[in-house]
Amino acid sequence: MKLAFLYYPVTNLEDSLAFYRNTFGFEEAWREGEHTVALVLPNSDVRMLIEEDEQELSAGGVFLVDSVDAFYKEHKEYMTFVKEPLDIPPGRYAICRDISGNCLRIIDFSKEKATV
C-alpha cells in the first residue's frame, strides 16, 4: 500500500482549480470528466485529487493497493466501509473509515494492468 493522492471534495471545481494553481502552484495532471482533476506540485511527489463529489465525506488519503476487492474481503469484518468496491475508469475503488471516523479511500489500477 502506498499513498497515491490527497483527496479533497470541492464545491466548485474550476474555482478550486484556480485557487490551488494560484495559491500553491499546483499544475493540472489530468481530468476525469467534468468533476475530477488531479493536480501535481512541480518538483515534488505530492499529488492531489479535487472532485465535485462526496461532499458529505471528509478529505483524506487515497491509497493504492494491489486489489481493492482483496483488501475489502480481508478487512470488511472489522472496518466500516462507506462505499463498497466499485468500478472506476482505472480500476476499482472503495472508501472505509478509520477508528476515529476519518475516510480512507483505496484504489487499484487493475483495468490499466489488463490493457497493458
PDB file of N, CA and C in Angstrom:
ATOM      1  N   MET A   1       0.844  -1.172   0.000  1.00  0.00           N
ATOM      2  CA  MET A   1       0.000   0.000   0.000  1.00  0.00           C
ATOM      3  C   MET A   1       0.892   1.239   0.000  1.00  0.00           C
ATOM      4  N   LYS A   2       0.473   2.211  -0.808  1.00  0.00           N
ATOM      5  CA  LYS A   2       1.191   3.481  -0.804  1.00  0.00           C
ATOM      6  C   LYS A   2       0.204   4.613  -1.047  1.00  0.00           C
ATOM      7  N   LEU A   3       0.563   5.790  -0.571  1.00  0.00           N
ATOM      8  CA  LEU A   3      -0.281   6.959  -0.767  1.00  0.00           C
ATOM      9  C   LEU A   3      -0.219   7.368  -2.234  1.00  0.00           C
ATOM     10  N   ALA A   4      -1.375   7.430  -2.889  1.00  0.00           N
ATOM     11  CA  ALA A   4      -1.432   7.823  -4.296  1.00  0.00           C
ATOM     12  C   ALA A   4      -1.777   9.302  -4.444  1.00  0.00           C
ATOM     13  N   PHE A   5      -2.757   9.770  -3.676  1.00  0.00           N
ATOM     14  CA  PHE A   5      -3.228  11.147  -3.761  1.00  0.00           C
ATOM     15  C   PHE A   5      -3.682  11.625  -2.390  1.00  0.00           C
ATOM     16  N   LEU A   6      -3.745  12.929  -2.241  1.00  0.00           N
ATOM     17  CA  LEU A   6      -4.521  13.553  -1.183  1.00  0.00           C
ATOM     18  C   LEU A   6      -5.837  13.930  -1.842  1.00  0.00           C
ATOM     19  N   TYR A   7      -6.955  13.620  -1.209  1.00  0.00           N
ATOM     20  CA  TYR A   7      -8.265  13.828  -1.801  1.00  0.00           C
ATOM     21  C   TYR A   7      -8.992  14.967  -1.099  1.00  0.00           C
ATOM     22  N   TYR A   8      -9.539  15.899  -1.891  1.00  0.00           N
ATOM     23  CA  TYR A   8     -10.316  16.996  -1.348  1.00  0.00           C
ATOM     24  C   TYR A   8     -11.610  17.154  -2.123  1.00  0.00           C
ATOM     25  N   PRO A   9     -12.756  16.949  -1.461  1.00  0.00           N
ATOM     26  CA  PRO A   9     -14.020  17.255  -2.128  1.00  0.00           C
ATOM     27  C   PRO A   9     -14.176  18.769  -2.210  1.00  0.00           C
ATOM     28  N   VAL A  10     -14.648  19.270  -3.339  1.00  0.00           N
ATOM     29  CA  VAL A  10     -14.801  20.717  -3.537  1.00  0.00           C
ATOM     30  C   VAL A  10     -16.220  21.017  -4.013  1.00  0.00           C
ATOM     31  N   THR A  11     -16.644  22.243  -3.788  1.00  0.00           N
ATOM     32  CA  THR A  11     -17.991  22.642  -4.207  1.00  0.00           C
ATOM     33  C   THR A  11     -18.015  23.232  -5.607  1.00  0.00           C
ATOM     34  N   ASN A  12     -16.879  23.755  -6.066  1.00  0.00           N
ATOM     35  CA  ASN A  12     -16.798  24.313  -7.408  1.00  0.00           C
ATOM     36  C   ASN A  12     -15.422  23.954  -7.976  1.00  0.00           C
ATOM     37  N   LEU A  13     -15.414  23.068  -8.944  1.00  0.00           N
ATOM     38  CA  LEU A  13     -14.157  22.542  -9.471  1.00  0.00           C
ATOM     39  C   LEU A  13     -13.266  23.626 -10.072  1.00  0.00           C
ATOM     40  N   GLU A  14     -13.817  24.474 -10.929  1.00  0.00           N
ATOM     41  CA  GLU A  14     -12.992  25.475 -11.610  1.00  0.00           C
ATOM     42  C   GLU A  14     -12.448  26.523 -10.636  1.00  0.00           C
ATOM     43  N   ASP A  15     -13.269  26.960  -9.687  1.00  0.00           N
ATOM     44  CA  ASP A  15     -12.786  27.914  -8.687  1.00  0.00           C
ATOM     45  C   ASP A  15     -11.693  27.281  -7.822  1.00  0.00           C
ATOM     46  N   SER A  16     -11.893  26.033  -7.447  1.00  0.00           N
ATOM     47  CA  SER A  16     -10.894  25.331  -6.626  1.00  0.00           C
ATOM     48  C   SER A  16      -9.610  25.105  -7.396  1.00  0.00           C
ATOM     49  N   LEU A  17      -9.729  24.764  -8.661  1.00  0.00           N
ATOM     50  CA  LEU A  17      -8.550  24.585  -9.504  1.00  0.00           C
ATOM     51  C   LEU A  17      -7.745  25.883  -9.571  1.00  0.00           C
ATOM     52  N   ALA A  18      -8.417  26.992  -9.780  1.00  0.00           N
ATOM     53  CA  ALA A  18      -7.734  28.289  -9.813  1.00  0.00           C
ATOM     54  C   ALA A  18      -7.071  28.587  -8.473  1.00  0.00           C
ATOM     55  N   PHE A  19      -7.757  28.285  -7.375  1.00  0.00           N
ATOM     56  CA  PHE A  19      -7.195  28.520  -6.043  1.00  0.00           C
ATOM     57  C   PHE A  19      -5.897  27.737  -5.837  1.00  0.00           C
ATOM     58  N   TYR A  20      -5.915  26.439  -6.120  1.00  0.00           N
ATOM     59  CA  TYR A  20      -4.718  25.616  -5.886  1.00  0.00           C
ATOM     60  C   TYR A  20      -3.585  25.969  -6.850  1.00  0.00           C
ATOM     61  N   ARG A  21      -3.921  26.360  -8.063  1.00  0.00           N
ATOM     62  CA  ARG A  21      -2.887  26.812  -9.010  1.00  0.00           C
ATOM     63  C   ARG A  21      -2.255  28.118  -8.534  1.00  0.00           C
ATOM     64  N   ASN A  22      -3.098  29.104  -8.257  1.00  0.00           N
ATOM     65  CA  ASN A  22      -2.620  30.451  -7.943  1.00  0.00           C
ATOM     66  C   ASN A  22      -2.010  30.568  -6.553  1.00  0.00           C
ATOM     67  N   THR A  23      -2.522  29.832  -5.595  1.00  0.00           N
ATOM     68  CA  THR A  23      -2.058  29.951  -4.222  1.00  0.00           C
ATOM     69  C   THR A  23      -0.851  29.063  -3.930  1.00  0.00           C
ATOM     70  N   PHE A  24      -0.876  27.828  -4.430  1.00  0.00           N
ATOM     71  CA  PHE A  24       0.163  26.856  -4.087  1.00  0.00           C
ATOM     72  C   PHE A  24       1.041  26.427  -5.258  1.00  0.00           C
ATOM     73  N   GLY A  25       0.668  26.792  -6.470  1.00  0.00           N
ATOM     74  CA  GLY A  25       1.479  26.451  -7.627  1.00  0.00           C
ATOM     75  C   GLY A  25       1.254  25.056  -8.195  1.00  0.00           C
ATOM     76  N   PHE A  26       0.143  24.416  -7.819  1.00  0.00           N
ATOM     77  CA  PHE A  26      -0.171  23.105  -8.397  1.00  0.00           C
ATOM     78  C   PHE A  26      -0.416  23.241  -9.894  1.00  0.00           C
ATOM     79  N   GLU A  27      -0.115  22.188 -10.617  1.00  0.00           N
ATOM     80  CA  GLU A  27      -0.399  22.118 -12.052  1.00  0.00           C
ATOM     81  C   GLU A  27      -1.349  20.963 -12.323  1.00  0.00           C
ATOM     82  N   GLU A  28      -2.191  21.128 -13.326  1.00  0.00           N
ATOM     83  CA  GLU A  28      -3.131  20.076 -13.680  1.00  0.00           C
ATOM     84  C   GLU A  28      -2.376  18.911 -14.308  1.00  0.00           C
ATOM     85  N   ALA A  29      -2.634  17.698 -13.804  1.00  0.00           N
ATOM     86  CA  ALA A  29      -2.010  16.491 -14.340  1.00  0.00           C
ATOM     87  C   ALA A  29      -2.951  15.771 -15.308  1.00  0.00           C
ATOM     88  N   TRP A  30      -4.215  15.640 -14.934  1.00  0.00           N
ATOM     89  CA  TRP A  30      -5.226  15.024 -15.785  1.00  0.00           C
ATOM     90  C   TRP A  30      -6.615  15.308 -15.239  1.00  0.00           C
ATOM     91  N   ARG A  31      -7.619  15.044 -16.071  1.00  0.00           N
ATOM     92  CA  ARG A  31      -9.028  15.217 -15.698  1.00  0.00           C
ATOM     93  C   ARG A  31      -9.780  13.930 -15.959  1.00  0.00           C
ATOM     94  N   GLU A  32     -10.814  13.746 -15.163  1.00  0.00           N
ATOM     95  CA  GLU A  32     -11.771  12.662 -15.399  1.00  0.00           C
ATOM     96  C   GLU A  32     -13.144  13.314 -15.492  1.00  0.00           C
ATOM     97  N   GLY A  33     -13.635  13.457 -16.706  1.00  0.00           N
ATOM     98  CA  GLY A  33     -14.924  14.106 -16.910  1.00  0.00           C
ATOM     99  C   GLY A  33     -14.903  15.562 -16.497  1.00  0.00           C
ATOM    100  N   GLU A  34     -16.051  16.042 -16.067  1.00  0.00           N
ATOM    101  CA  GLU A  34     -16.205  17.444 -15.685  1.00  0.00           C
ATOM    102  C   GLU A  34     -16.170  17.663 -14.178  1.00  0.00           C
ATOM    103  N   HIS A  35     -15.875  16.611 -13.404  1.00  0.00           N
ATOM    104  CA  HIS A  35     -15.973  16.744 -11.955  1.00  0.00           C
ATOM    105  C   HIS A  35     -14.713  16.367 -11.188  1.00  0.00           C
ATOM    106  N   THR A  36     -13.658  15.921 -11.873  1.00  0.00           N
ATOM    107  CA  THR A  36     -12.450  15.456 -11.185  1.00  0.00           C
ATOM    108  C   THR A  36     -11.198  15.977 -11.874  1.00  0.00           C
ATOM    109  N   VAL A  37     -10.273  16.537 -11.087  1.00  0.00           N
ATOM    110  CA  VAL A  37      -8.988  16.987 -11.609  1.00  0.00           C
ATOM    111  C   VAL A  37      -7.884  16.493 -10.674  1.00  0.00           C
ATOM    112  N   ALA A  38      -6.845  15.922 -11.255  1.00  0.00           N
ATOM    113  CA  ALA A  38      -5.651  15.551 -10.499  1.00  0.00           C
ATOM    114  C   ALA A  38      -4.631  16.667 -10.667  1.00  0.00           C
ATOM    115  N   LEU A  39      -3.997  17.018  -9.570  1.00  0.00           N
ATOM    116  CA  LEU A  39      -3.008  18.093  -9.564  1.00  0.00           C
ATOM    117  C   LEU A  39      -1.666  17.556  -9.091  1.00  0.00           C
ATOM    118  N   VAL A  40      -0.624  18.185  -9.566  1.00  0.00           N
ATOM    119  CA  VAL A  40       0.725  17.821  -9.149  1.00  0.00           C
ATOM    120  C   VAL A  40       1.444  19.093  -8.737  1.00  0.00           C
ATOM    121  N   LEU A  41       2.239  18.974  -7.697  1.00  0.00           N
ATOM    122  CA  LEU A  41       3.066  20.083  -7.257  1.00  0.00           C
ATOM    123  C   LEU A  41       4.424  19.924  -7.933  1.00  0.00           C
ATOM    124  N   PRO A  42       4.845  20.886  -8.767  1.00  0.00           N
ATOM    125  CA  PRO A  42       6.105  20.756  -9.504  1.00  0.00           C
ATOM    126  C   PRO A  42       7.287  20.435  -8.580  1.00  0.00           C
ATOM    127  N   ASN A  43       8.184  19.623  -9.091  1.00  0.00           N
ATOM    128  CA  ASN A  43       9.388  19.213  -8.367  1.00  0.00           C
ATOM    129  C   ASN A  43       9.070  18.499  -7.064  1.00  0.00           C
ATOM    130  N   SER A  44       7.962  17.772  -7.054  1.00  0.00           N
ATOM    131  CA  SER A  44       7.519  17.083  -5.849  1.00  0.00           C
ATOM    132  C   SER A  44       6.771  15.812  -6.232  1.00  0.00           C
ATOM    133  N   ASP A  45       6.670  14.895  -5.285  1.00  0.00           N
ATOM    134  CA  ASP A  45       5.857  13.700  -5.482  1.00  0.00           C
ATOM    135  C   ASP A  45       4.426  13.913  -4.991  1.00  0.00           C
ATOM    136  N   VAL A  46       4.128  15.117  -4.513  1.00  0.00           N
ATOM    137  CA  VAL A  46       2.805  15.401  -3.964  1.00  0.00           C
ATOM    138  C   VAL A  46       1.770  15.460  -5.093  1.00  0.00           C
ATOM    139  N   ARG A  47       0.711  14.658  -4.921  1.00  0.00           N
ATOM    140  CA  ARG A  47      -0.403  14.621  -5.864  1.00  0.00           C
ATOM    141  C   ARG A  47      -1.681  14.914  -5.092  1.00  0.00           C
ATOM    142  N   MET A  48      -2.588  15.646  -5.715  1.00  0.00           N
ATOM    143  CA  MET A  48      -3.853  15.959  -5.076  1.00  0.00           C
ATOM    144  C   MET A  48      -4.968  15.736  -6.078  1.00  0.00           C
ATOM    145  N   LEU A  49      -6.072  15.218  -5.577  1.00  0.00           N
ATOM    146  CA  LEU A  49      -7.248  14.994  -6.386  1.00  0.00           C
ATOM    147  C   LEU A  49      -8.355  15.880  -5.829  1.00  0.00           C
ATOM    148  N   ILE A  50      -8.909  16.758  -6.665  1.00  0.00           N
ATOM    149  CA  ILE A  50     -10.055  17.552  -6.243  1.00  0.00           C
ATOM    150  C   ILE A  50     -11.248  17.089  -7.061  1.00  0.00           C
ATOM    151  N   GLU A  51     -12.404  17.033  -6.391  1.00  0.00           N
ATOM    152  CA  GLU A  51     -13.564  16.440  -7.048  1.00  0.00           C
ATOM    153  C   GLU A  51     -14.853  17.029  -6.503  1.00  0.00           C
ATOM    154  N   GLU A  52     -15.781  17.289  -7.402  1.00  0.00           N
ATOM    155  CA  GLU A  52     -17.115  17.733  -7.012  1.00  0.00           C
ATOM    156  C   GLU A  52     -17.973  16.500  -6.723  1.00  0.00           C
ATOM    157  N   ASP A  53     -17.637  15.821  -5.651  1.00  0.00           N
ATOM    158  CA  ASP A  53     -18.331  14.589  -5.294  1.00  0.00           C
ATOM    159  C   ASP A  53     -18.097  14.330  -3.818  1.00  0.00           C
ATOM    160  N   GLU A  54     -18.941  13.534  -3.239  1.00  0.00           N
ATOM    161  CA  GLU A  54     -18.764  13.074  -1.860  1.00  0.00           C
ATOM    162  C   GLU A  54     -18.576  14.231  -0.882  1.00  0.00           C
ATOM    163  N   GLN A  55     -19.378  15.285  -1.040  1.00  0.00           N
ATOM    164  CA  GLN A  55     -19.281  16.457  -0.175  1.00  0.00           C
ATOM    165  C   GLN A  55     -19.489  16.105   1.291  1.00  0.00           C
ATOM    166  N   GLU A  56     -20.265  15.074   1.549  1.00  0.00           N
ATOM    167  CA  GLU A  56     -20.550  14.691   2.928  1.00  0.00           C
ATOM    168  C   GLU A  56     -19.401  13.917   3.583  1.00  0.00           C
ATOM    169  N   LEU A  57     -18.414  13.530   2.794  1.00  0.00           N
ATOM    170  CA  LEU A  57     -17.279  12.768   3.322  1.00  0.00           C
ATOM    171  C   LEU A  57     -16.062  13.668   3.477  1.00  0.00           C
ATOM    172  N   SER A  58     -15.201  13.311   4.396  1.00  0.00           N
ATOM    173  CA  SER A  58     -14.029  14.138   4.694  1.00  0.00           C
ATOM    174  C   SER A  58     -12.922  13.982   3.654  1.00  0.00           C
ATOM    175  N   ALA A  59     -12.051  14.971   3.652  1.00  0.00           N
ATOM    176  CA  ALA A  59     -10.826  14.873   2.864  1.00  0.00           C
ATOM    177  C   ALA A  59      -9.949  13.789   3.481  1.00  0.00           C
ATOM    178  N   GLY A  60      -8.987  13.306   2.713  1.00  0.00           N
ATOM    179  CA  GLY A  60      -8.083  12.291   3.244  1.00  0.00           C
ATOM    180  C   GLY A  60      -7.226  11.692   2.153  1.00  0.00           C
ATOM    181  N   GLY A  61      -6.520  10.654   2.511  1.00  0.00           N
ATOM    182  CA  GLY A  61      -5.631   9.992   1.572  1.00  0.00           C
ATOM    183  C   GLY A  61      -6.351   9.002   0.689  1.00  0.00           C
ATOM    184  N   VAL A  62      -5.811   8.832  -0.513  1.00  0.00           N
ATOM    185  CA  VAL A  62      -6.240   7.778  -1.429  1.00  0.00           C
ATOM    186  C   VAL A  62      -5.039   6.839  -1.532  1.00  0.00           C
ATOM    187  N   PHE A  63      -5.228   5.605  -1.092  1.00  0.00           N
ATOM    188  CA  PHE A  63      -4.138   4.650  -1.009  1.00  0.00           C
ATOM    189  C   PHE A  63      -4.229   3.623  -2.123  1.00  0.00           C
ATOM    190  N   LEU A  64      -3.118   3.407  -2.794  1.00  0.00           N
ATOM    191  CA  LEU A  64      -3.026   2.423  -3.859  1.00  0.00           C
ATOM    192  C   LEU A  64      -2.752   1.051  -3.258  1.00  0.00           C
ATOM    193  N   VAL A  65      -3.589   0.085  -3.604  1.00  0.00           N
ATOM    194  CA  VAL A  65      -3.411  -1.301  -3.162  1.00  0.00           C
ATOM    195  C   VAL A  65      -3.371  -2.192  -4.399  1.00  0.00           C
ATOM    196  N   ASP A  66      -2.883  -3.401  -4.232  1.00  0.00           N
ATOM    197  CA  ASP A  66      -2.839  -4.333  -5.368  1.00  0.00           C
ATOM    198  C   ASP A  66      -4.239  -4.702  -5.836  1.00  0.00           C
ATOM    199  N   SER A  67      -5.143  -4.911  -4.880  1.00  0.00           N
ATOM    200  CA  SER A  67      -6.506  -5.304  -5.221  1.00  0.00           C
ATOM    201  C   SER A  67      -7.476  -4.739  -4.183  1.00  0.00           C
ATOM    202  N   VAL A  68      -8.371  -3.867  -4.620  1.00  0.00           N
ATOM    203  CA  VAL A  68      -9.399  -3.323  -3.734  1.00  0.00           C
ATOM    204  C   VAL A  68     -10.297  -4.447  -3.238  1.00  0.00           C
ATOM    205  N   ASP A  69     -10.637  -5.382  -4.115  1.00  0.00           N
ATOM    206  CA  ASP A  69     -11.516  -6.481  -3.712  1.00  0.00           C
ATOM    207  C   ASP A  69     -10.876  -7.356  -2.637  1.00  0.00           C
ATOM    208  N   ALA A  70      -9.597  -7.638  -2.764  1.00  0.00           N
ATOM    209  CA  ALA A  70      -8.899  -8.443  -1.756  1.00  0.00           C
ATOM    210  C   ALA A  70      -8.812  -7.677  -0.432  1.00  0.00           C
ATOM    211  N   PHE A  71      -8.523  -6.377  -0.483  1.00  0.00           N
ATOM    212  CA  PHE A  71      -8.464  -5.556   0.725  1.00  0.00           C
ATOM    213  C   PHE A  71      -9.819  -5.562   1.420  1.00  0.00           C
ATOM    214  N   TYR A  72     -10.869  -5.365   0.659  1.00  0.00           N
ATOM    215  CA  TYR A  72     -12.224  -5.361   1.203  1.00  0.00           C
ATOM    216  C   TYR A  72     -12.538  -6.701   1.871  1.00  0.00           C
ATOM    217  N   LYS A  73     -12.272  -7.766   1.186  1.00  0.00           N
ATOM    218  CA  LYS A  73     -12.563  -9.106   1.715  1.00  0.00           C
ATOM    219  C   LYS A  73     -11.808  -9.357   3.024  1.00  0.00           C
ATOM    220  N   GLU A  74     -10.569  -8.923   3.075  1.00  0.00           N
ATOM    221  CA  GLU A  74      -9.727  -9.149   4.247  1.00  0.00           C
ATOM    222  C   GLU A  74     -10.124  -8.273   5.441  1.00  0.00           C
ATOM    223  N   HIS A  75     -10.689  -7.081   5.187  1.00  0.00           N
ATOM    224  CA  HIS A  75     -10.929  -6.120   6.258  1.00  0.00           C
ATOM    225  C   HIS A  75     -12.404  -5.821   6.559  1.00  0.00           C
ATOM    226  N   LYS A  76     -13.335  -6.332   5.787  1.00  0.00           N
ATOM    227  CA  LYS A  76     -14.740  -5.938   5.930  1.00  0.00           C
ATOM    228  C   LYS A  76     -15.367  -6.332   7.259  1.00  0.00           C
ATOM    229  N   GLU A  77     -14.825  -7.323   7.934  1.00  0.00           N
ATOM    230  CA  GLU A  77     -15.411  -7.769   9.204  1.00  0.00           C
ATOM    231  C   GLU A  77     -15.166  -6.792  10.345  1.00  0.00           C
ATOM    232  N   TYR A  78     -14.112  -5.985  10.263  1.00  0.00           N
ATOM    233  CA  TYR A  78     -13.810  -5.090  11.379  1.00  0.00           C
ATOM    234  C   TYR A  78     -13.608  -3.633  10.968  1.00  0.00           C
ATOM    235  N   MET A  79     -13.817  -3.320   9.705  1.00  0.00           N
ATOM    236  CA  MET A  79     -13.758  -1.936   9.250  1.00  0.00           C
ATOM    237  C   MET A  79     -15.117  -1.552   8.681  1.00  0.00           C
ATOM    238  N   THR A  80     -15.480  -0.294   8.842  1.00  0.00           N
ATOM    239  CA  THR A  80     -16.731   0.205   8.284  1.00  0.00           C
ATOM    240  C   THR A  80     -16.459   0.751   6.892  1.00  0.00           C
ATOM    241  N   PHE A  81     -17.111   0.167   5.905  1.00  0.00           N
ATOM    242  CA  PHE A  81     -16.972   0.628   4.525  1.00  0.00           C
ATOM    243  C   PHE A  81     -18.148   1.538   4.177  1.00  0.00           C
ATOM    244  N   VAL A  82     -17.837   2.767   3.838  1.00  0.00           N
ATOM    245  CA  VAL A  82     -18.821   3.762   3.431  1.00  0.00           C
ATOM    246  C   VAL A  82     -19.246   3.491   1.997  1.00  0.00           C
ATOM    247  N   LYS A  83     -18.302   3.056   1.201  1.00  0.00           N
ATOM    248  CA  LYS A  83     -18.549   2.719  -0.203  1.00  0.00           C
ATOM    249  C   LYS A  83     -17.835   1.403  -0.477  1.00  0.00           C
ATOM    250  N   GLU A  84     -18.598   0.370  -0.802  1.00  0.00           N
ATOM    251  CA  GLU A  84     -18.014  -0.933  -1.117  1.00  0.00           C
ATOM    252  C   GLU A  84     -17.355  -0.865  -2.488  1.00  0.00           C
ATOM    253  N   PRO A  85     -16.488  -1.827  -2.800  1.00  0.00           N
ATOM    254  CA  PRO A  85     -15.754  -1.782  -4.078  1.00  0.00           C
ATOM    255  C   PRO A  85     -16.660  -1.567  -5.289  1.00  0.00           C
ATOM    256  N   LEU A  86     -16.203  -0.673  -6.155  1.00  0.00           N
ATOM    257  CA  LEU A  86     -16.919  -0.378  -7.392  1.00  0.00           C
ATOM    258  C   LEU A  86     -15.921  -0.065  -8.494  1.00  0.00           C
ATOM    259  N   ASP A  87     -16.399  -0.143  -9.716  1.00  0.00           N
ATOM    260  CA  ASP A  87     -15.557   0.141 -10.875  1.00  0.00           C
ATOM    261  C   ASP A  87     -15.404   1.643 -11.075  1.00  0.00           C
ATOM    262  N   ILE A  88     -14.197   2.058 -11.417  1.00  0.00           N
ATOM    263  CA  ILE A  88     -13.890   3.414 -11.852  1.00  0.00           C
ATOM    264  C   ILE A  88     -12.986   3.262 -13.075  1.00  0.00           C
ATOM    265  N   PRO A  89     -12.772   4.317 -13.852  1.00  0.00           N
ATOM    266  CA  PRO A  89     -12.007   4.154 -15.101  1.00  0.00           C
ATOM    267  C   PRO A  89     -10.662   3.403 -14.978  1.00  0.00           C
ATOM    268  N   PRO A  90      -9.800   3.694 -13.985  1.00  0.00           N
ATOM    269  CA  PRO A  90      -8.538   2.941 -13.988  1.00  0.00           C
ATOM    270  C   PRO A  90      -8.592   1.583 -13.294  1.00  0.00           C
ATOM    271  N   GLY A  91      -9.667   1.298 -12.539  1.00  0.00           N
ATOM    272  CA  GLY A  91      -9.702   0.023 -11.812  1.00  0.00           C
ATOM    273  C   GLY A  91     -10.865  -0.087 -10.858  1.00  0.00           C
ATOM    274  N   ARG A  92     -10.544  -0.274  -9.555  1.00  0.00           N
ATOM    275  CA  ARG A  92     -11.562  -0.444  -8.521  1.00  0.00           C
ATOM    276  C   ARG A  92     -11.307   0.559  -7.403  1.00  0.00           C
ATOM    277  N   TYR A  93     -12.370   0.874  -6.632  1.00  0.00           N
ATOM    278  CA  TYR A  93     -12.315   1.940  -5.639  1.00  0.00           C
ATOM    279  C   TYR A  93     -13.255   1.595  -4.493  1.00  0.00           C
ATOM    280  N   ALA A  94     -12.875   1.965  -3.275  1.00  0.00           N
ATOM    281  CA  ALA A  94     -13.743   1.803  -2.104  1.00  0.00           C
ATOM    282  C   ALA A  94     -13.346   2.845  -1.065  1.00  0.00           C
ATOM    283  N   ILE A  95     -14.262   3.083  -0.113  1.00  0.00           N
ATOM    284  CA  ILE A  95     -13.991   4.020   0.974  1.00  0.00           C
ATOM    285  C   ILE A  95     -14.346   3.339   2.288  1.00  0.00           C
ATOM    286  N   CYS A  96     -13.427   3.427   3.246  1.00  0.00           N
ATOM    287  CA  CYS A  96     -13.698   2.919   4.587  1.00  0.00           C
ATOM    288  C   CYS A  96     -13.349   4.007   5.586  1.00  0.00           C
ATOM    289  N   ARG A  97     -13.655   3.762   6.853  1.00  0.00           N
ATOM    290  CA  ARG A  97     -13.342   4.730   7.911  1.00  0.00           C
ATOM    291  C   ARG A  97     -12.337   4.119   8.876  1.00  0.00           C
ATOM    292  N   ASP A  98     -11.446   4.972   9.389  1.00  0.00           N
ATOM    293  CA  ASP A  98     -10.530   4.516  10.425  1.00  0.00           C
ATOM    294  C   ASP A  98     -11.260   4.542  11.773  1.00  0.00           C
ATOM    295  N   ILE A  99     -10.574   4.226  12.845  1.00  0.00           N
ATOM    296  CA  ILE A  99     -11.236   4.114  14.146  1.00  0.00           C
ATOM    297  C   ILE A  99     -11.706   5.459  14.696  1.00  0.00           C
ATOM    298  N   SER A 100     -11.261   6.559  14.100  1.00  0.00           N
ATOM    299  CA  SER A 100     -11.709   7.889  14.506  1.00  0.00           C
ATOM    300  C   SER A 100     -12.763   8.456  13.559  1.00  0.00           C
ATOM    301  N   GLY A 101     -13.146   7.695  12.557  1.00  0.00           N
ATOM    302  CA  GLY A 101     -14.178   8.127  11.619  1.00  0.00           C
ATOM    303  C   GLY A 101     -13.671   8.831  10.377  1.00  0.00           C
ATOM    304  N   ASN A 102     -12.357   8.938  10.216  1.00  0.00           N
ATOM    305  CA  ASN A 102     -11.788   9.568   9.021  1.00  0.00           C
ATOM    306  C   ASN A 102     -11.916   8.642   7.821  1.00  0.00           C
ATOM    307  N   CYS A 103     -12.168   9.221   6.665  1.00  0.00           N
ATOM    308  CA  CYS A 103     -12.290   8.429   5.439  1.00  0.00           C
ATOM    309  C   CYS A 103     -10.920   8.033   4.905  1.00  0.00           C
ATOM    310  N   LEU A 104     -10.812   6.784   4.540  1.00  0.00           N
ATOM    311  CA  LEU A 104      -9.635   6.240   3.849  1.00  0.00           C
ATOM    312  C   LEU A 104     -10.133   5.688   2.529  1.00  0.00           C
ATOM    313  N   ARG A 105      -9.611   6.211   1.461  1.00  0.00           N
ATOM    314  CA  ARG A 105     -10.001   5.739   0.136  1.00  0.00           C
ATOM    315  C   ARG A 105      -8.932   4.787  -0.382  1.00  0.00           C
ATOM    316  N   ILE A 106      -9.370   3.694  -0.985  1.00  0.00           N
ATOM    317  CA  ILE A 106      -8.422   2.753  -1.574  1.00  0.00           C
ATOM    318  C   ILE A 106      -8.754   2.601  -3.046  1.00  0.00           C
ATOM    319  N   ILE A 107      -7.707   2.405  -3.815  1.00  0.00           N
ATOM    320  CA  ILE A 107      -7.844   2.330  -5.270  1.00  0.00           C
ATOM    321  C   ILE A 107      -6.864   1.289  -5.796  1.00  0.00           C
ATOM    322  N   ASP A 108      -7.240   0.643  -6.875  1.00  0.00           N
ATOM    323  CA  ASP A 108      -6.264  -0.150  -7.622  1.00  0.00           C
ATOM    324  C   ASP A 108      -6.370   0.248  -9.081  1.00  0.00           C
ATOM    325  N   PHE A 109      -5.351  -0.088  -9.829  1.00  0.00           N
ATOM    326  CA  PHE A 109      -5.311   0.248 -11.256  1.00  0.00           C
ATOM    327  C   PHE A 109      -5.444  -1.027 -12.091  1.00  0.00           C
ATOM    328  N   SER A 110      -6.344  -1.912 -11.675  1.00  0.00           N
ATOM    329  CA  SER A 110      -6.492  -3.218 -12.312  1.00  0.00           C
ATOM    330  C   SER A 110      -6.923  -3.132 -13.774  1.00  0.00           C
ATOM    331  N   LYS A 111      -7.685  -2.137 -14.159  1.00  0.00           N
ATOM    332  CA  LYS A 111      -8.083  -2.006 -15.572  1.00  0.00           C
ATOM    333  C   LYS A 111      -6.908  -1.577 -16.427  1.00  0.00           C
ATOM    334  N   GLU A 112      -6.026  -0.746 -15.884  1.00  0.00           N
ATOM    335  CA  GLU A 112      -4.844  -0.327 -16.626  1.00  0.00           C
ATOM    336  C   GLU A 112      -3.910  -1.511 -16.846  1.00  0.00           C
ATOM    337  N   LYS A 113      -3.758  -2.364 -15.823  1.00  0.00           N
ATOM    338  CA  LYS A 113      -2.910  -3.545 -15.944  1.00  0.00           C
ATOM    339  C   LYS A 113      -3.451  -4.502 -16.996  1.00  0.00           C
ATOM    340  N   ALA A 114      -4.786  -4.608 -17.061  1.00  0.00           N
ATOM    341  CA  ALA A 114      -5.404  -5.528 -18.001  1.00  0.00           C
ATOM    342  C   ALA A 114      -5.212  -5.129 -19.441  1.00  0.00           C
ATOM    343  N   THR A 115      -5.028  -3.822 -19.698  1.00  0.00           N
ATOM    344  CA  THR A 115      -4.891  -3.360 -21.079  1.00  0.00           C
ATOM    345  C   THR A 115      -3.439  -3.286 -21.539  1.00  0.00           C
ATOM    346  N   VAL A 116      -2.510  -3.515 -20.625  1.00  0.00           N
ATOM    347  CA  VAL A 116      -1.084  -3.416 -20.979  1.00  0.00           C
ATOM    348  C   VAL A 116      -0.639  -4.651 -21.710  1.00  0.00           C
TER     349      VAL A 116
END
